[in-house]
């Protein structure tokens, strides 16, 4: 059975929202690096989230070349609604692995970062 993140979020949109929820606002460039998205992809993801009033952008007052990104109140609320389902999907995905295999997988993923 195929499961998806609720409320019509794509995986890249959810990753972006989750990272912004965790970190607070940051530059669009840094957010792209933290979510492993190139500049064009993160720009598009942010534009789609902003269109849904889930994220907002503004120019960094300290460097007008830098665009900052943050969640709106609705974006934070959506994240809080989506997290339980995302955890459920992760648990279901990792279900075939033993606890030790899950630990090894996480160690390997961290190394790839």
N, C-alpha and C. Protein backbone atom coordinates (compact mmCIF):
# COMPACT_ATOMS: atom_id res chain seq x y z
N UNK A 1 0.84 -1.19 0.00
CA UNK A 1 0.00 0.00 0.00
C UNK A 1 0.88 1.25 0.00
N UNK A 2 0.59 2.16 -0.90
CA UNK A 2 1.36 3.39 -1.05
C UNK A 2 0.82 4.46 -0.10
N UNK A 3 1.71 5.06 0.69
CA UNK A 3 1.30 6.10 1.62
C UNK A 3 1.98 7.41 1.25
N UNK A 4 1.28 8.49 1.47
CA UNK A 4 1.85 9.80 1.15
C UNK A 4 1.72 10.74 2.34
N UNK A 5 2.55 11.76 2.30
CA UNK A 5 2.46 12.83 3.29
C UNK A 5 1.12 13.51 3.09
N UNK A 6 0.43 13.87 4.15
CA UNK A 6 -0.91 14.46 4.00
C UNK A 6 -0.89 15.87 3.41
N UNK A 7 -2.06 16.29 3.03
CA UNK A 7 -2.35 17.65 2.58
C UNK A 7 -1.67 18.01 1.27
N UNK A 8 -1.43 16.99 0.45
CA UNK A 8 -0.93 17.24 -0.89
C UNK A 8 0.51 17.70 -0.98
N UNK A 9 1.30 17.48 0.05
CA UNK A 9 2.71 17.86 0.00
C UNK A 9 3.52 16.82 -0.77
N UNK A 10 4.44 17.30 -1.60
CA UNK A 10 5.39 16.39 -2.22
C UNK A 10 6.49 16.09 -1.20
N UNK A 11 7.30 15.11 -1.50
CA UNK A 11 8.38 14.78 -0.57
C UNK A 11 9.37 15.93 -0.44
N UNK A 12 9.64 16.64 -1.54
CA UNK A 12 10.57 17.77 -1.46
C UNK A 12 9.96 18.93 -0.67
N UNK A 13 8.66 19.13 -0.82
CA UNK A 13 8.00 20.18 -0.04
C UNK A 13 8.00 19.82 1.44
N UNK A 14 7.72 18.56 1.75
CA UNK A 14 7.74 18.15 3.15
C UNK A 14 9.14 18.28 3.74
N UNK A 15 10.17 17.87 2.99
CA UNK A 15 11.55 17.98 3.48
C UNK A 15 11.88 19.44 3.77
N UNK A 16 11.43 20.33 2.92
CA UNK A 16 11.69 21.76 3.11
C UNK A 16 10.98 22.29 4.33
N UNK A 17 9.71 21.95 4.48
CA UNK A 17 8.94 22.39 5.64
C UNK A 17 9.53 21.83 6.93
N UNK A 18 9.89 20.56 6.91
CA UNK A 18 10.45 19.93 8.11
C UNK A 18 11.75 20.60 8.52
N UNK A 19 12.61 20.90 7.55
CA UNK A 19 13.89 21.53 7.87
C UNK A 19 13.68 22.95 8.39
N UNK A 20 12.76 23.71 7.77
CA UNK A 20 12.48 25.06 8.26
C UNK A 20 11.85 25.02 9.65
N UNK A 21 11.02 24.04 9.90
CA UNK A 21 10.41 23.89 11.23
C UNK A 21 11.49 23.64 12.26
N UNK A 22 12.44 22.79 11.90
CA UNK A 22 13.53 22.44 12.81
C UNK A 22 14.48 23.62 13.06
N UNK A 23 14.84 24.34 12.00
CA UNK A 23 15.88 25.37 12.09
C UNK A 23 15.36 26.78 12.29
N UNK A 24 14.14 27.04 11.89
CA UNK A 24 13.67 28.42 11.80
C UNK A 24 14.08 28.97 10.44
N UNK A 25 14.03 30.25 10.28
CA UNK A 25 14.35 30.83 8.98
C UNK A 25 15.84 30.70 8.68
N UNK A 26 16.15 30.65 7.39
CA UNK A 26 17.54 30.60 6.93
C UNK A 26 17.58 31.06 5.48
N UNK A 27 18.78 31.16 4.94
CA UNK A 27 18.88 31.59 3.54
C UNK A 27 18.39 30.47 2.63
N UNK A 28 17.87 30.87 1.49
CA UNK A 28 17.39 29.90 0.51
C UNK A 28 18.54 28.99 0.06
N UNK A 29 19.71 29.55 -0.09
CA UNK A 29 20.89 28.80 -0.50
C UNK A 29 21.22 27.71 0.53
N UNK A 30 21.26 28.09 1.79
CA UNK A 30 21.57 27.12 2.86
C UNK A 30 20.49 26.05 2.93
N UNK A 31 19.24 26.46 2.79
CA UNK A 31 18.14 25.50 2.84
C UNK A 31 18.27 24.48 1.72
N UNK A 32 18.66 24.93 0.54
CA UNK A 32 18.89 24.00 -0.56
C UNK A 32 19.97 22.99 -0.23
N UNK A 33 21.06 23.45 0.36
CA UNK A 33 22.14 22.53 0.74
C UNK A 33 21.67 21.54 1.80
N UNK A 34 20.92 22.02 2.78
CA UNK A 34 20.48 21.17 3.88
C UNK A 34 19.45 20.12 3.45
N UNK A 35 18.74 20.40 2.35
CA UNK A 35 17.75 19.45 1.85
C UNK A 35 18.24 18.72 0.61
N UNK A 36 19.52 18.93 0.27
CA UNK A 36 20.14 18.29 -0.90
C UNK A 36 19.41 18.62 -2.20
N UNK A 37 19.02 19.88 -2.35
CA UNK A 37 18.37 20.34 -3.58
C UNK A 37 19.24 21.40 -4.23
N UNK A 38 19.29 21.37 -5.56
CA UNK A 38 20.04 22.41 -6.26
C UNK A 38 19.26 23.72 -6.20
N UNK A 39 19.91 24.80 -6.63
CA UNK A 39 19.33 26.14 -6.50
C UNK A 39 17.99 26.28 -7.22
N UNK A 40 17.89 25.72 -8.41
CA UNK A 40 16.64 25.83 -9.17
C UNK A 40 15.51 25.06 -8.49
N UNK A 41 15.82 23.89 -7.98
CA UNK A 41 14.79 23.07 -7.34
C UNK A 41 14.28 23.72 -6.06
N UNK A 42 15.18 24.17 -5.19
CA UNK A 42 14.72 24.77 -3.93
C UNK A 42 13.95 26.05 -4.21
N UNK A 43 14.36 26.80 -5.22
CA UNK A 43 13.63 28.02 -5.58
C UNK A 43 12.19 27.68 -5.97
N UNK A 44 12.01 26.65 -6.78
CA UNK A 44 10.68 26.23 -7.19
C UNK A 44 9.84 25.71 -6.04
N UNK A 45 10.47 24.93 -5.17
CA UNK A 45 9.76 24.40 -3.99
C UNK A 45 9.27 25.55 -3.11
N UNK A 46 10.16 26.51 -2.86
CA UNK A 46 9.80 27.66 -2.03
C UNK A 46 8.67 28.46 -2.69
N UNK A 47 8.75 28.64 -3.99
CA UNK A 47 7.70 29.39 -4.70
C UNK A 47 6.34 28.70 -4.55
N UNK A 48 6.32 27.38 -4.67
CA UNK A 48 5.05 26.65 -4.53
C UNK A 48 4.53 26.69 -3.09
N UNK A 49 5.44 26.61 -2.12
CA UNK A 49 5.02 26.71 -0.72
C UNK A 49 4.51 28.12 -0.42
N UNK A 50 5.16 29.13 -0.96
CA UNK A 50 4.72 30.51 -0.74
C UNK A 50 3.35 30.74 -1.37
N UNK A 51 3.12 30.15 -2.53
CA UNK A 51 1.82 30.29 -3.20
C UNK A 51 0.70 29.71 -2.33
N UNK A 52 1.01 28.69 -1.55
CA UNK A 52 0.04 28.07 -0.64
C UNK A 52 0.03 28.75 0.73
N UNK A 53 0.80 29.83 0.89
CA UNK A 53 0.94 30.58 2.14
C UNK A 53 1.49 29.70 3.27
N UNK A 54 2.40 28.80 2.91
CA UNK A 54 3.05 27.95 3.89
C UNK A 54 4.46 28.45 4.23
N UNK A 55 5.05 29.22 3.31
CA UNK A 55 6.39 29.78 3.51
C UNK A 55 6.38 31.21 3.01
N UNK A 56 7.35 31.96 3.48
CA UNK A 56 7.50 33.34 3.03
C UNK A 56 8.98 33.63 2.83
N UNK A 57 9.27 34.60 1.98
CA UNK A 57 10.65 34.99 1.73
C UNK A 57 10.79 36.49 1.95
N UNK A 58 12.01 36.89 2.27
CA UNK A 58 12.31 38.31 2.41
C UNK A 58 13.81 38.48 2.22
N UNK A 59 14.19 39.69 1.87
CA UNK A 59 15.60 40.01 1.67
C UNK A 59 16.28 40.15 3.02
N UNK A 60 17.47 39.57 3.13
CA UNK A 60 18.26 39.66 4.35
C UNK A 60 18.65 41.13 4.56
N UNK A 61 18.29 41.72 5.70
CA UNK A 61 18.63 43.13 5.94
C UNK A 61 20.14 43.38 6.02
N UNK A 62 20.91 42.34 6.29
CA UNK A 62 22.36 42.49 6.38
C UNK A 62 23.07 42.26 5.04
N UNK A 63 22.39 41.62 4.09
CA UNK A 63 22.99 41.36 2.78
C UNK A 63 21.86 41.26 1.76
N UNK A 64 21.65 42.32 1.02
CA UNK A 64 20.51 42.39 0.10
C UNK A 64 20.58 41.36 -1.03
N UNK A 65 21.72 40.70 -1.19
CA UNK A 65 21.83 39.64 -2.21
C UNK A 65 21.25 38.31 -1.71
N UNK A 66 21.05 38.19 -0.41
CA UNK A 66 20.61 36.94 0.20
C UNK A 66 19.10 36.96 0.42
N UNK A 67 18.44 35.85 0.03
CA UNK A 67 17.02 35.69 0.26
C UNK A 67 16.81 34.76 1.44
N UNK A 68 16.06 35.22 2.42
CA UNK A 68 15.74 34.40 3.59
C UNK A 68 14.38 33.74 3.40
N UNK A 69 14.23 32.58 4.02
CA UNK A 69 13.00 31.80 3.90
C UNK A 69 12.56 31.38 5.30
N UNK A 70 11.27 31.42 5.54
CA UNK A 70 10.72 30.95 6.81
C UNK A 70 9.31 30.44 6.62
N UNK A 71 8.84 29.70 7.58
CA UNK A 71 7.47 29.21 7.54
C UNK A 71 6.51 30.29 8.02
N UNK A 72 5.33 30.28 7.45
CA UNK A 72 4.25 31.10 7.97
C UNK A 72 3.61 30.35 9.14
N UNK A 73 2.68 30.98 9.81
CA UNK A 73 1.97 30.28 10.88
C UNK A 73 1.26 29.04 10.33
N UNK A 74 0.67 29.16 9.13
CA UNK A 74 0.00 28.02 8.51
C UNK A 74 1.00 26.92 8.16
N UNK A 75 2.20 27.31 7.74
CA UNK A 75 3.24 26.32 7.44
C UNK A 75 3.66 25.55 8.67
N UNK A 76 3.82 26.26 9.79
CA UNK A 76 4.16 25.57 11.05
C UNK A 76 3.03 24.64 11.48
N UNK A 77 1.79 25.10 11.35
CA UNK A 77 0.65 24.27 11.73
C UNK A 77 0.56 23.03 10.85
N UNK A 78 0.80 23.20 9.56
CA UNK A 78 0.75 22.05 8.65
C UNK A 78 1.84 21.04 9.01
N UNK A 79 3.04 21.54 9.32
CA UNK A 79 4.13 20.64 9.73
C UNK A 79 3.71 19.81 10.93
N UNK A 80 3.13 20.45 11.91
CA UNK A 80 2.72 19.73 13.12
C UNK A 80 1.64 18.70 12.82
N UNK A 81 0.78 18.99 11.85
CA UNK A 81 -0.24 18.01 11.46
C UNK A 81 0.38 16.86 10.66
N UNK A 82 1.41 17.16 9.86
CA UNK A 82 2.00 16.16 8.96
C UNK A 82 3.01 15.25 9.64
N UNK A 83 3.68 15.72 10.67
CA UNK A 83 4.74 14.92 11.31
C UNK A 83 4.27 13.54 11.75
N UNK A 84 3.14 13.39 12.42
CA UNK A 84 2.74 12.04 12.84
C UNK A 84 2.62 11.07 11.67
N UNK A 85 2.04 11.51 10.56
CA UNK A 85 1.91 10.64 9.39
C UNK A 85 3.28 10.34 8.80
N UNK A 86 4.16 11.31 8.76
CA UNK A 86 5.51 11.09 8.23
C UNK A 86 6.26 10.06 9.07
N UNK A 87 6.13 10.14 10.39
CA UNK A 87 6.78 9.16 11.26
C UNK A 87 6.20 7.76 11.03
N UNK A 88 4.89 7.71 10.82
CA UNK A 88 4.23 6.43 10.54
C UNK A 88 4.76 5.83 9.23
N UNK A 89 4.91 6.67 8.20
CA UNK A 89 5.43 6.20 6.91
C UNK A 89 6.87 5.71 7.07
N UNK A 90 7.67 6.44 7.83
CA UNK A 90 9.06 6.03 8.05
C UNK A 90 9.11 4.69 8.77
N UNK A 91 8.29 4.53 9.81
CA UNK A 91 8.26 3.26 10.54
C UNK A 91 7.87 2.11 9.62
N UNK A 92 6.88 2.33 8.77
CA UNK A 92 6.42 1.29 7.84
C UNK A 92 7.51 0.97 6.83
N UNK A 93 8.21 1.98 6.34
CA UNK A 93 9.28 1.78 5.37
C UNK A 93 10.42 0.97 5.97
N UNK A 94 10.77 1.25 7.22
CA UNK A 94 11.89 0.59 7.88
C UNK A 94 11.50 -0.72 8.57
N UNK A 95 10.24 -1.06 8.52
CA UNK A 95 9.73 -2.25 9.22
C UNK A 95 10.52 -3.53 8.92
N UNK A 96 10.95 -3.76 7.68
CA UNK A 96 11.69 -5.01 7.41
C UNK A 96 13.07 -5.07 8.05
N UNK A 97 13.59 -3.95 8.54
CA UNK A 97 14.93 -3.91 9.11
C UNK A 97 14.91 -4.13 10.61
N UNK A 98 15.94 -4.80 11.09
CA UNK A 98 16.10 -4.94 12.54
C UNK A 98 16.53 -3.60 13.12
N UNK A 99 16.51 -3.49 14.42
CA UNK A 99 16.94 -2.25 15.08
C UNK A 99 18.39 -1.93 14.72
N UNK A 100 19.25 -2.94 14.73
CA UNK A 100 20.66 -2.72 14.38
C UNK A 100 20.79 -2.29 12.92
N UNK A 101 20.04 -2.89 12.03
CA UNK A 101 20.10 -2.51 10.62
C UNK A 101 19.63 -1.06 10.41
N UNK A 102 18.64 -0.65 11.19
CA UNK A 102 18.19 0.75 11.12
C UNK A 102 19.30 1.69 11.57
N UNK A 103 20.01 1.32 12.63
CA UNK A 103 21.13 2.14 13.12
C UNK A 103 22.21 2.26 12.05
N UNK A 104 22.55 1.14 11.42
CA UNK A 104 23.57 1.14 10.37
C UNK A 104 23.12 2.01 9.20
N UNK A 105 21.88 1.88 8.81
CA UNK A 105 21.34 2.70 7.72
C UNK A 105 21.49 4.18 8.05
N UNK A 106 21.11 4.58 9.25
CA UNK A 106 21.22 5.98 9.64
C UNK A 106 22.68 6.44 9.65
N UNK A 107 23.58 5.60 10.12
CA UNK A 107 25.01 5.95 10.12
C UNK A 107 25.50 6.18 8.70
N UNK A 108 25.08 5.31 7.79
CA UNK A 108 25.50 5.44 6.39
C UNK A 108 24.91 6.70 5.75
N UNK A 109 23.66 6.99 6.05
CA UNK A 109 23.03 8.20 5.48
C UNK A 109 23.72 9.46 5.99
N UNK A 110 24.10 9.46 7.25
CA UNK A 110 24.81 10.62 7.80
C UNK A 110 26.15 10.80 7.09
N UNK A 111 26.83 9.70 6.83
CA UNK A 111 28.12 9.77 6.12
C UNK A 111 27.98 10.32 4.72
N UNK A 112 26.87 10.05 4.06
CA UNK A 112 26.64 10.53 2.70
C UNK A 112 26.37 12.02 2.64
N UNK A 113 25.95 12.58 3.73
CA UNK A 113 25.64 14.00 3.76
C UNK A 113 26.84 14.75 3.39
